[in-house]
N, C-alpha and C. Protein backbone atom coordinates (compact mmCIF):
# COMPACT_ATOMS: atom_id res chain seq x y z
N MET A 1 127.25 98.37 108.86
CA MET A 1 126.83 99.69 107.83
C MET A 1 125.60 99.21 107.02
N ALA A 2 125.51 97.80 106.65
CA ALA A 2 124.53 97.40 105.69
C ALA A 2 123.13 97.79 106.42
N SER A 3 122.88 97.62 107.64
CA SER A 3 121.57 97.76 108.13
C SER A 3 121.25 99.25 108.08
N LYS A 4 122.17 100.29 108.24
CA LYS A 4 121.89 101.58 108.14
C LYS A 4 121.72 101.98 106.61
N VAL A 5 122.28 101.45 105.74
CA VAL A 5 122.09 101.67 104.34
C VAL A 5 120.63 101.10 104.02
N GLY A 6 120.33 99.95 104.62
CA GLY A 6 119.01 99.30 104.46
C GLY A 6 118.00 100.07 104.79
N LYS A 7 118.03 100.72 105.95
CA LYS A 7 117.04 101.66 106.51
C LYS A 7 116.72 102.84 105.61
N LEU A 8 117.93 103.40 105.13
CA LEU A 8 117.83 104.52 104.35
C LEU A 8 117.13 104.06 102.94
N ILE A 9 117.72 103.00 102.41
CA ILE A 9 116.85 102.49 101.19
C ILE A 9 115.32 102.30 101.31
N LYS A 10 114.98 101.64 102.51
CA LYS A 10 113.52 101.59 102.79
C LYS A 10 112.77 102.92 102.83
N GLU A 11 113.53 103.93 103.59
CA GLU A 11 112.88 105.19 103.83
C GLU A 11 112.60 105.82 102.50
N ALA A 12 113.69 105.87 101.63
CA ALA A 12 113.65 106.36 100.24
C ALA A 12 112.60 105.66 99.31
N ARG A 13 112.58 104.35 99.40
CA ARG A 13 111.63 103.67 98.44
C ARG A 13 110.17 104.04 99.00
N THR A 14 109.86 103.91 100.23
CA THR A 14 108.44 104.20 100.83
C THR A 14 108.14 105.64 100.68
N GLY A 15 109.21 106.50 100.79
CA GLY A 15 108.99 107.94 100.59
C GLY A 15 108.55 108.30 99.03
N ALA A 16 109.04 107.48 98.17
CA ALA A 16 108.81 107.66 96.81
C ALA A 16 107.59 106.81 96.30
N ASP A 17 106.97 106.18 97.39
CA ASP A 17 105.58 105.51 97.14
C ASP A 17 105.82 104.22 96.13
N LEU A 18 106.99 103.51 96.33
CA LEU A 18 107.25 102.48 95.48
C LEU A 18 107.26 101.16 96.26
N THR A 19 106.88 100.18 95.67
CA THR A 19 107.08 98.60 96.23
C THR A 19 108.51 98.19 95.94
N GLN A 20 108.84 97.29 96.52
CA GLN A 20 110.19 96.61 96.31
C GLN A 20 110.29 96.20 94.78
N GLU A 21 109.13 95.59 94.37
CA GLU A 21 109.02 95.00 93.05
C GLU A 21 109.08 96.29 91.96
N LYS A 22 108.36 97.36 92.29
CA LYS A 22 108.51 98.34 91.30
C LYS A 22 109.98 98.98 91.28
N LEU A 23 110.63 99.16 92.45
CA LEU A 23 111.96 99.80 92.48
C LEU A 23 112.92 98.76 91.73
N ALA A 24 112.79 97.53 91.96
CA ALA A 24 113.71 96.60 91.29
C ALA A 24 113.56 96.61 89.76
N LYS A 25 112.38 96.76 89.25
CA LYS A 25 112.18 97.06 87.96
C LYS A 25 112.72 98.23 87.33
N LYS A 26 112.52 99.17 88.11
CA LYS A 26 113.10 100.54 87.59
C LYS A 26 114.77 100.55 87.72
N VAL A 27 115.25 99.86 88.73
CA VAL A 27 116.70 99.96 88.76
C VAL A 27 117.30 98.99 87.58
N GLY A 28 116.62 97.85 87.52
CA GLY A 28 117.03 96.79 86.45
C GLY A 28 118.39 96.37 86.76
N GLY A 29 119.22 95.79 85.80
CA GLY A 29 120.44 95.28 85.89
C GLY A 29 120.40 93.97 86.57
N GLY A 30 119.18 93.18 86.72
CA GLY A 30 119.28 91.91 87.44
C GLY A 30 118.88 92.14 88.79
N LEU A 31 118.58 93.27 89.35
CA LEU A 31 118.25 93.46 90.81
C LEU A 31 116.88 93.08 90.84
N THR A 32 116.59 92.12 91.87
CA THR A 32 115.27 91.68 92.15
C THR A 32 114.58 92.15 93.42
N ALA A 33 113.26 92.04 93.69
CA ALA A 33 112.70 92.48 94.72
C ALA A 33 113.20 91.93 96.03
N ASN A 34 113.67 90.55 95.78
CA ASN A 34 114.24 89.77 96.95
C ASN A 34 115.46 90.51 97.30
N ASP A 35 116.23 90.92 96.33
CA ASP A 35 117.51 91.66 96.63
C ASP A 35 117.30 92.92 97.47
N ILE A 36 116.20 93.70 96.98
CA ILE A 36 115.99 94.88 97.63
C ILE A 36 115.58 94.59 99.03
N SER A 37 114.70 93.68 99.28
CA SER A 37 114.29 93.10 100.69
C SER A 37 115.55 92.89 101.45
N LYS A 38 116.42 91.93 100.83
CA LYS A 38 117.51 91.61 101.82
C LYS A 38 118.34 92.74 102.12
N ALA A 39 118.60 93.73 101.20
CA ALA A 39 119.37 95.01 101.37
C ALA A 39 118.73 95.82 102.53
N GLU A 40 117.48 95.93 102.48
CA GLU A 40 116.83 96.73 103.56
C GLU A 40 116.83 96.10 104.89
N ARG A 41 116.99 94.82 104.92
CA ARG A 41 117.08 94.09 106.26
C ARG A 41 118.60 93.99 106.69
N GLY A 42 119.55 94.50 105.71
CA GLY A 42 120.97 94.48 106.08
C GLY A 42 121.74 93.22 105.72
N GLU A 43 120.93 92.33 105.04
CA GLU A 43 121.56 90.95 104.60
C GLU A 43 122.27 91.03 103.33
N LYS A 44 122.12 92.09 102.53
CA LYS A 44 122.85 92.15 101.32
C LYS A 44 123.46 93.41 101.02
N GLU A 45 124.62 93.63 100.58
CA GLU A 45 125.27 94.92 100.14
C GLU A 45 125.06 95.08 98.65
N LEU A 46 124.62 96.23 98.32
CA LEU A 46 124.41 96.60 96.96
C LEU A 46 125.62 97.37 96.40
N SER A 47 125.85 97.33 95.16
CA SER A 47 126.85 97.94 94.49
C SER A 47 126.68 99.47 94.58
N GLN A 48 127.73 100.29 94.34
CA GLN A 48 127.61 101.66 94.33
C GLN A 48 126.70 102.08 93.19
N ALA A 49 126.73 101.51 91.95
CA ALA A 49 125.93 101.76 90.79
C ALA A 49 124.41 101.59 91.24
N GLN A 50 124.28 100.57 91.83
CA GLN A 50 122.79 100.20 92.35
C GLN A 50 122.28 101.31 93.38
N LEU A 51 123.22 101.48 94.23
CA LEU A 51 122.71 102.60 95.20
C LEU A 51 122.48 103.96 94.56
N LYS A 52 123.34 104.29 93.47
CA LYS A 52 123.24 105.50 92.93
C LYS A 52 121.89 105.57 92.03
N SER A 53 121.56 104.31 91.50
CA SER A 53 120.45 104.39 90.82
C SER A 53 119.11 104.36 91.66
N ILE A 54 119.07 103.64 92.97
CA ILE A 54 118.13 103.80 93.82
C ILE A 54 117.82 105.18 94.23
N ALA A 55 118.81 105.92 94.52
CA ALA A 55 118.85 107.19 94.94
C ALA A 55 118.10 108.13 94.03
N LYS A 56 118.52 107.96 92.77
CA LYS A 56 118.07 108.75 91.67
C LYS A 56 116.60 108.47 91.46
N ILE A 57 116.33 107.18 91.49
CA ILE A 57 114.75 106.92 91.25
C ILE A 57 113.95 107.37 92.38
N CYS A 58 114.42 107.25 93.53
CA CYS A 58 113.65 107.62 94.71
C CYS A 58 113.65 109.08 95.05
N GLY A 59 114.57 109.94 94.49
CA GLY A 59 114.62 111.23 94.64
C GLY A 59 115.43 111.81 96.01
N VAL A 60 116.31 110.92 96.30
CA VAL A 60 117.34 111.16 97.44
C VAL A 60 118.65 111.61 96.97
N THR A 61 119.45 112.11 97.79
CA THR A 61 120.78 112.29 97.35
C THR A 61 121.68 111.02 97.34
N GLN A 62 122.36 110.86 96.25
CA GLN A 62 123.23 109.78 96.06
C GLN A 62 124.30 109.46 97.30
N ALA A 63 124.70 110.90 97.69
CA ALA A 63 125.68 110.80 98.78
C ALA A 63 125.21 110.26 100.11
N SER A 64 123.98 110.38 100.33
CA SER A 64 123.38 109.75 101.55
C SER A 64 123.30 108.30 101.53
N LEU A 65 122.99 107.63 100.52
CA LEU A 65 123.14 106.32 100.45
C LEU A 65 124.59 105.66 100.31
N LEU A 66 125.41 106.44 99.48
CA LEU A 66 126.73 106.03 99.36
C LEU A 66 127.63 106.04 100.54
N ASN A 67 127.47 107.18 101.27
CA ASN A 67 128.23 107.46 102.53
C ASN A 67 127.82 106.53 103.66
N ALA A 68 126.51 106.18 103.68
CA ALA A 68 126.00 105.25 104.73
C ALA A 68 126.68 103.95 104.44
N ALA A 69 126.82 103.51 103.05
CA ALA A 69 127.43 102.38 102.71
C ALA A 69 128.88 102.25 103.14
N LYS A 70 129.57 103.54 102.97
CA LYS A 70 131.09 103.41 103.40
C LYS A 70 131.20 103.70 104.93
N GLY A 71 130.30 104.09 105.54
CA GLY A 71 130.24 104.22 106.94
C GLY A 71 130.80 105.68 107.35
N THR A 72 130.58 106.67 106.44
CA THR A 72 130.95 107.97 106.56
C THR A 72 129.74 108.86 106.43
N THR A 73 129.93 110.07 107.11
CA THR A 73 128.74 111.13 107.08
C THR A 73 129.33 112.27 106.35
N THR A 74 128.43 113.04 105.68
CA THR A 74 128.80 114.31 105.12
C THR A 74 128.03 115.29 105.75
N LYS A 75 128.69 116.41 105.80
CA LYS A 75 127.92 117.61 106.29
C LYS A 75 127.43 118.42 104.94
N LYS A 76 126.16 118.54 104.83
CA LYS A 76 125.63 119.08 103.66
C LYS A 76 125.68 120.55 103.81
N THR A 77 126.23 121.09 102.66
CA THR A 77 126.28 122.65 102.62
C THR A 77 125.50 123.01 101.38
N THR A 78 124.83 124.08 101.58
CA THR A 78 123.93 124.60 100.44
C THR A 78 124.14 126.06 100.41
N THR A 79 124.00 126.45 99.15
CA THR A 79 123.92 127.96 99.16
C THR A 79 122.63 128.31 98.59
N LYS A 80 122.12 129.42 99.11
CA LYS A 80 120.79 129.86 98.76
C LYS A 80 120.79 131.00 97.89
N LYS A 81 120.01 130.89 96.85
CA LYS A 81 119.84 132.15 95.98
C LYS A 81 118.58 132.97 96.52
N THR A 82 118.72 134.24 96.83
CA THR A 82 117.79 134.88 97.37
C THR A 82 117.08 135.82 96.42
N THR A 83 115.80 135.70 96.26
CA THR A 83 114.91 136.45 95.48
C THR A 83 113.76 137.03 96.35
N THR A 84 113.47 138.20 96.03
CA THR A 84 112.30 138.75 96.85
C THR A 84 111.13 138.63 95.94
N THR A 85 109.94 138.03 96.54
CA THR A 85 108.67 137.94 95.73
C THR A 85 107.66 138.43 96.86
N THR A 86 106.74 139.06 96.35
CA THR A 86 105.58 139.42 97.08
C THR A 86 104.52 138.47 96.92
N LYS A 87 103.99 137.96 98.06
CA LYS A 87 102.92 136.93 97.86
C LYS A 87 101.79 137.30 98.62
N LYS A 88 100.54 137.07 98.11
CA LYS A 88 99.35 137.38 98.68
C LYS A 88 98.89 136.16 99.28
N THR A 89 98.74 136.07 100.62
CA THR A 89 98.30 134.94 101.15
C THR A 89 96.76 135.15 101.83
N THR A 90 96.04 134.00 101.68
CA THR A 90 94.70 133.92 102.15
C THR A 90 94.63 132.80 103.02
N THR A 91 93.85 132.95 104.19
CA THR A 91 93.71 131.80 105.03
C THR A 91 92.19 131.35 105.18
N THR A 92 91.94 130.18 104.88
CA THR A 92 90.69 129.71 105.04
C THR A 92 90.59 128.61 106.23
N THR A 93 89.55 128.58 106.89
CA THR A 93 89.56 127.75 108.02
C THR A 93 88.75 126.31 107.53
N LYS A 94 89.45 125.22 107.73
CA LYS A 94 88.97 124.04 107.44
C LYS A 94 88.70 123.19 108.81
N PRO A 95 87.90 122.28 108.80
CA PRO A 95 87.62 121.43 109.96
C PRO A 95 88.99 120.64 110.16
N LYS A 96 89.24 120.39 111.49
CA LYS A 96 90.52 119.57 111.73
C LYS A 96 90.46 118.14 111.09
N THR A 97 91.56 117.76 110.51
CA THR A 97 91.58 116.39 109.95
C THR A 97 92.54 115.70 110.92
N PRO A 98 91.94 114.47 111.53
CA PRO A 98 92.85 113.71 112.30
C PRO A 98 94.18 113.29 111.70
N SER A 99 95.23 113.21 112.45
CA SER A 99 96.63 112.91 111.87
C SER A 99 96.46 111.45 111.41
N ASN A 100 95.79 110.64 111.84
CA ASN A 100 95.72 109.23 111.30
C ASN A 100 94.61 109.03 110.17
N ALA A 101 94.12 110.00 109.62
CA ALA A 101 93.12 109.96 108.63
C ALA A 101 93.77 109.56 107.27
N ASN A 102 93.10 108.68 106.60
CA ASN A 102 93.68 108.33 105.31
C ASN A 102 93.36 109.36 104.26
N THR A 103 94.24 110.17 103.95
CA THR A 103 94.04 111.24 103.06
C THR A 103 94.25 111.07 101.62
N THR A 104 94.33 109.74 101.22
CA THR A 104 94.72 109.31 99.89
C THR A 104 93.19 108.78 99.27
N MET A 105 92.23 108.76 99.91
CA MET A 105 90.86 108.39 99.42
C MET A 105 90.40 109.47 98.62
N LYS A 106 89.78 108.95 97.33
CA LYS A 106 89.14 109.94 96.57
C LYS A 106 87.78 109.93 96.88
N VAL A 107 87.24 111.16 97.07
CA VAL A 107 85.62 111.23 97.56
C VAL A 107 85.05 112.28 96.75
N THR A 108 83.87 112.15 96.45
CA THR A 108 83.07 113.21 95.80
C THR A 108 82.73 114.41 96.62
N THR A 109 82.23 115.35 95.99
CA THR A 109 81.95 116.63 96.84
C THR A 109 80.85 116.33 97.96
N THR A 110 79.81 115.41 97.48
CA THR A 110 78.82 115.15 98.48
C THR A 110 79.47 114.28 99.84
N GLU A 111 80.30 113.33 99.43
CA GLU A 111 81.01 112.60 100.33
C GLU A 111 81.78 113.49 101.41
N LYS A 112 82.51 114.41 100.78
CA LYS A 112 83.36 115.26 101.48
C LYS A 112 82.47 116.04 102.46
N LYS A 113 81.34 116.61 102.12
CA LYS A 113 80.54 117.36 102.90
C LYS A 113 79.89 116.41 104.19
N LEU A 114 79.63 115.19 103.74
CA LEU A 114 79.14 114.29 104.72
C LEU A 114 80.21 114.00 105.89
N ILE A 115 81.44 113.85 105.33
CA ILE A 115 82.66 113.68 106.26
C ILE A 115 82.80 114.86 107.28
N GLU A 116 82.65 116.11 106.67
CA GLU A 116 82.81 117.37 107.38
C GLU A 116 81.68 117.36 108.47
N TYR A 117 80.54 117.08 108.16
CA TYR A 117 79.28 117.18 109.08
C TYR A 117 79.64 116.07 110.20
N TYR A 118 80.13 114.87 109.76
CA TYR A 118 80.31 113.73 110.72
C TYR A 118 81.34 114.23 111.83
N ARG A 119 82.51 114.73 111.23
CA ARG A 119 83.57 115.15 112.21
C ARG A 119 83.11 116.29 113.18
N LEU A 120 82.05 117.14 112.85
CA LEU A 120 81.63 118.09 113.66
C LEU A 120 80.56 117.61 114.57
N ALA A 121 80.09 116.33 114.32
CA ALA A 121 78.98 115.88 115.17
C ALA A 121 79.33 115.39 116.53
N ASP A 122 78.64 115.37 117.49
CA ASP A 122 78.73 114.70 118.77
C ASP A 122 78.63 113.12 118.69
N SER A 123 78.97 112.40 119.60
CA SER A 123 78.95 111.02 119.70
C SER A 123 77.62 110.44 119.23
N ASP A 124 76.59 110.79 119.99
CA ASP A 124 75.20 110.27 119.68
C ASP A 124 74.81 110.46 118.15
N THR A 125 75.16 111.63 117.66
CA THR A 125 74.74 111.92 116.38
C THR A 125 75.79 111.11 115.32
N LYS A 126 76.84 110.85 115.68
CA LYS A 126 77.67 109.98 114.77
C LYS A 126 77.18 108.49 114.90
N LYS A 127 76.74 108.07 116.03
CA LYS A 127 76.08 106.72 116.09
C LYS A 127 74.78 106.64 115.26
N ALA A 128 73.97 107.58 115.39
CA ALA A 128 72.79 107.65 114.51
C ALA A 128 73.05 107.65 113.01
N ALA A 129 73.98 108.51 112.59
CA ALA A 129 74.40 108.60 111.18
C ALA A 129 74.84 107.22 110.75
N THR A 130 75.65 106.63 111.55
CA THR A 130 76.21 105.31 111.05
C THR A 130 75.01 104.23 110.85
N LYS A 131 74.14 104.38 111.73
CA LYS A 131 72.87 103.50 111.63
C LYS A 131 72.11 103.78 110.43
N VAL A 132 71.91 105.07 110.09
CA VAL A 132 71.30 105.49 108.91
C VAL A 132 71.98 104.96 107.66
N LEU A 133 73.27 105.19 107.69
CA LEU A 133 74.03 104.70 106.46
C LEU A 133 74.07 103.21 106.16
N LYS A 134 73.96 102.40 107.40
CA LYS A 134 74.04 101.06 107.25
C LYS A 134 72.61 100.51 106.91
N GLY A 135 71.63 101.46 106.88
CA GLY A 135 70.20 101.20 106.44
C GLY A 135 69.48 100.43 107.51
N GLU A 136 69.78 100.83 108.90
CA GLU A 136 69.23 100.27 110.10
C GLU A 136 68.05 101.30 110.63
N CYS A 137 68.01 102.22 109.89
CA CYS A 137 67.01 103.25 110.72
C CYS A 137 66.05 103.95 109.56
N GLY A 138 65.52 103.10 108.73
CA GLY A 138 64.52 103.61 107.75
C GLY A 138 63.45 104.41 108.31
N GLU A 139 62.82 103.99 109.40
CA GLU A 139 61.70 104.71 110.02
C GLU A 139 62.31 106.10 110.82
N PHE A 140 63.69 106.11 110.95
CA PHE A 140 64.12 107.30 111.68
C PHE A 140 64.12 108.41 110.50
N ILE A 141 64.62 108.06 109.34
CA ILE A 141 64.56 109.06 108.32
C ILE A 141 63.22 109.60 107.95
N THR A 142 62.15 108.73 107.97
CA THR A 142 60.84 108.86 107.69
C THR A 142 60.29 109.95 108.71
N SER A 143 60.83 109.71 110.01
CA SER A 143 60.15 110.51 111.05
C SER A 143 60.84 111.97 110.93
N LEU A 144 62.07 111.83 110.54
CA LEU A 144 62.76 113.12 110.55
C LEU A 144 62.23 114.24 109.53
N VAL A 145 61.82 113.61 108.42
CA VAL A 145 61.39 114.49 107.34
C VAL A 145 59.82 114.58 107.10
N GLY A 146 59.22 114.02 107.97
CA GLY A 146 57.70 114.30 108.00
C GLY A 146 56.89 113.03 107.29
N GLY A 147 57.29 111.87 107.49
CA GLY A 147 56.49 110.91 106.98
C GLY A 147 56.33 110.57 105.49
N GLY A 148 57.40 110.30 104.84
CA GLY A 148 57.30 109.71 103.52
C GLY A 148 57.05 111.00 102.39
N THR A 149 57.38 111.98 102.64
CA THR A 149 57.19 113.19 101.64
C THR A 149 58.31 113.00 100.61
N GLY A 150 58.31 113.75 99.64
CA GLY A 150 59.47 113.93 98.80
C GLY A 150 60.79 114.15 99.28
N ALA A 151 60.83 114.86 100.43
CA ALA A 151 62.10 115.14 100.95
C ALA A 151 62.94 113.89 101.36
N ALA A 152 61.93 112.99 101.93
CA ALA A 152 62.60 111.60 102.33
C ALA A 152 63.19 110.93 101.17
N ASP A 153 62.49 110.95 100.03
CA ASP A 153 62.88 110.26 98.85
C ASP A 153 64.39 110.99 98.30
N GLY A 154 64.31 112.34 98.41
CA GLY A 154 65.57 113.10 98.16
C GLY A 154 66.68 112.67 98.97
N LEU A 155 66.56 112.60 100.33
CA LEU A 155 67.58 112.27 101.39
C LEU A 155 68.02 110.72 101.06
N THR A 156 66.96 109.99 100.75
CA THR A 156 67.24 108.43 100.44
C THR A 156 68.27 108.29 99.24
N ASP A 157 67.88 109.24 98.17
CA ASP A 157 68.71 109.21 97.03
C ASP A 157 70.12 109.64 97.07
N VAL A 158 70.23 110.68 98.06
CA VAL A 158 71.65 111.19 98.34
C VAL A 158 72.42 110.12 99.10
N ILE A 159 71.88 109.51 100.18
CA ILE A 159 72.52 108.36 100.81
C ILE A 159 72.78 107.30 99.93
N GLY A 160 71.86 106.89 99.10
CA GLY A 160 72.25 105.80 98.06
C GLY A 160 73.21 106.27 97.13
N ASP A 161 73.32 107.31 96.74
CA ASP A 161 74.42 107.84 95.77
C ASP A 161 75.84 107.65 96.52
N VAL A 162 75.73 108.06 97.68
CA VAL A 162 77.13 107.99 98.59
C VAL A 162 77.48 106.64 98.78
N LEU A 163 76.54 105.76 99.19
CA LEU A 163 76.90 104.40 99.26
C LEU A 163 77.32 103.78 98.14
N GLU A 164 76.71 104.04 97.02
CA GLU A 164 77.08 103.35 95.78
C GLU A 164 78.46 103.85 95.32
N ASN A 165 78.77 105.07 95.65
CA ASN A 165 80.18 105.61 95.37
C ASN A 165 81.27 105.09 96.09
N LEU A 166 80.89 104.84 97.41
CA LEU A 166 81.86 104.12 98.53
C LEU A 166 82.02 102.73 98.07
N PHE A 167 80.97 102.03 97.90
CA PHE A 167 81.18 100.62 97.73
C PHE A 167 80.86 100.08 96.37
N GLY A 168 80.58 100.84 95.51
CA GLY A 168 80.44 100.37 94.01
C GLY A 168 79.38 99.50 93.89
N LYS A 169 78.22 99.57 94.51
CA LYS A 169 77.19 98.71 94.35
C LYS A 169 76.23 99.27 93.34
């Protein structure tokens, strides 16, 4: 049963975006990150009080962890309170985001626009854009905007701002 509880603890902890160390500190009572690691691997059984605390901190039901520890399952019954609410919904179309995209990165509005354009571009355009952003195509930018005019300087400034925001240079 310990391995089943361990899997549930790990799911709850990662779902709450907590490290083993952070969870151990929040639970307290002498519980260490090493203890949580062992519990997640099924090598250590935690007390009911510790399981209750972990459940509360991670936002899962205490019954799910406690019953897994006891080797029983419960059928969850809920009662719904029905209320009628009228909602106005609007739908906007956004470019598709790949399922493996890292959605936690903070980006500026300019960076967001660049990402949208990049996602809509074909393969050759993506390669060219990557070269431009790496600084490998200075003459390419100049030829696009007509040979060193103020527009080239503006484009270079935008690219410089984006790179500075991304890499902190």
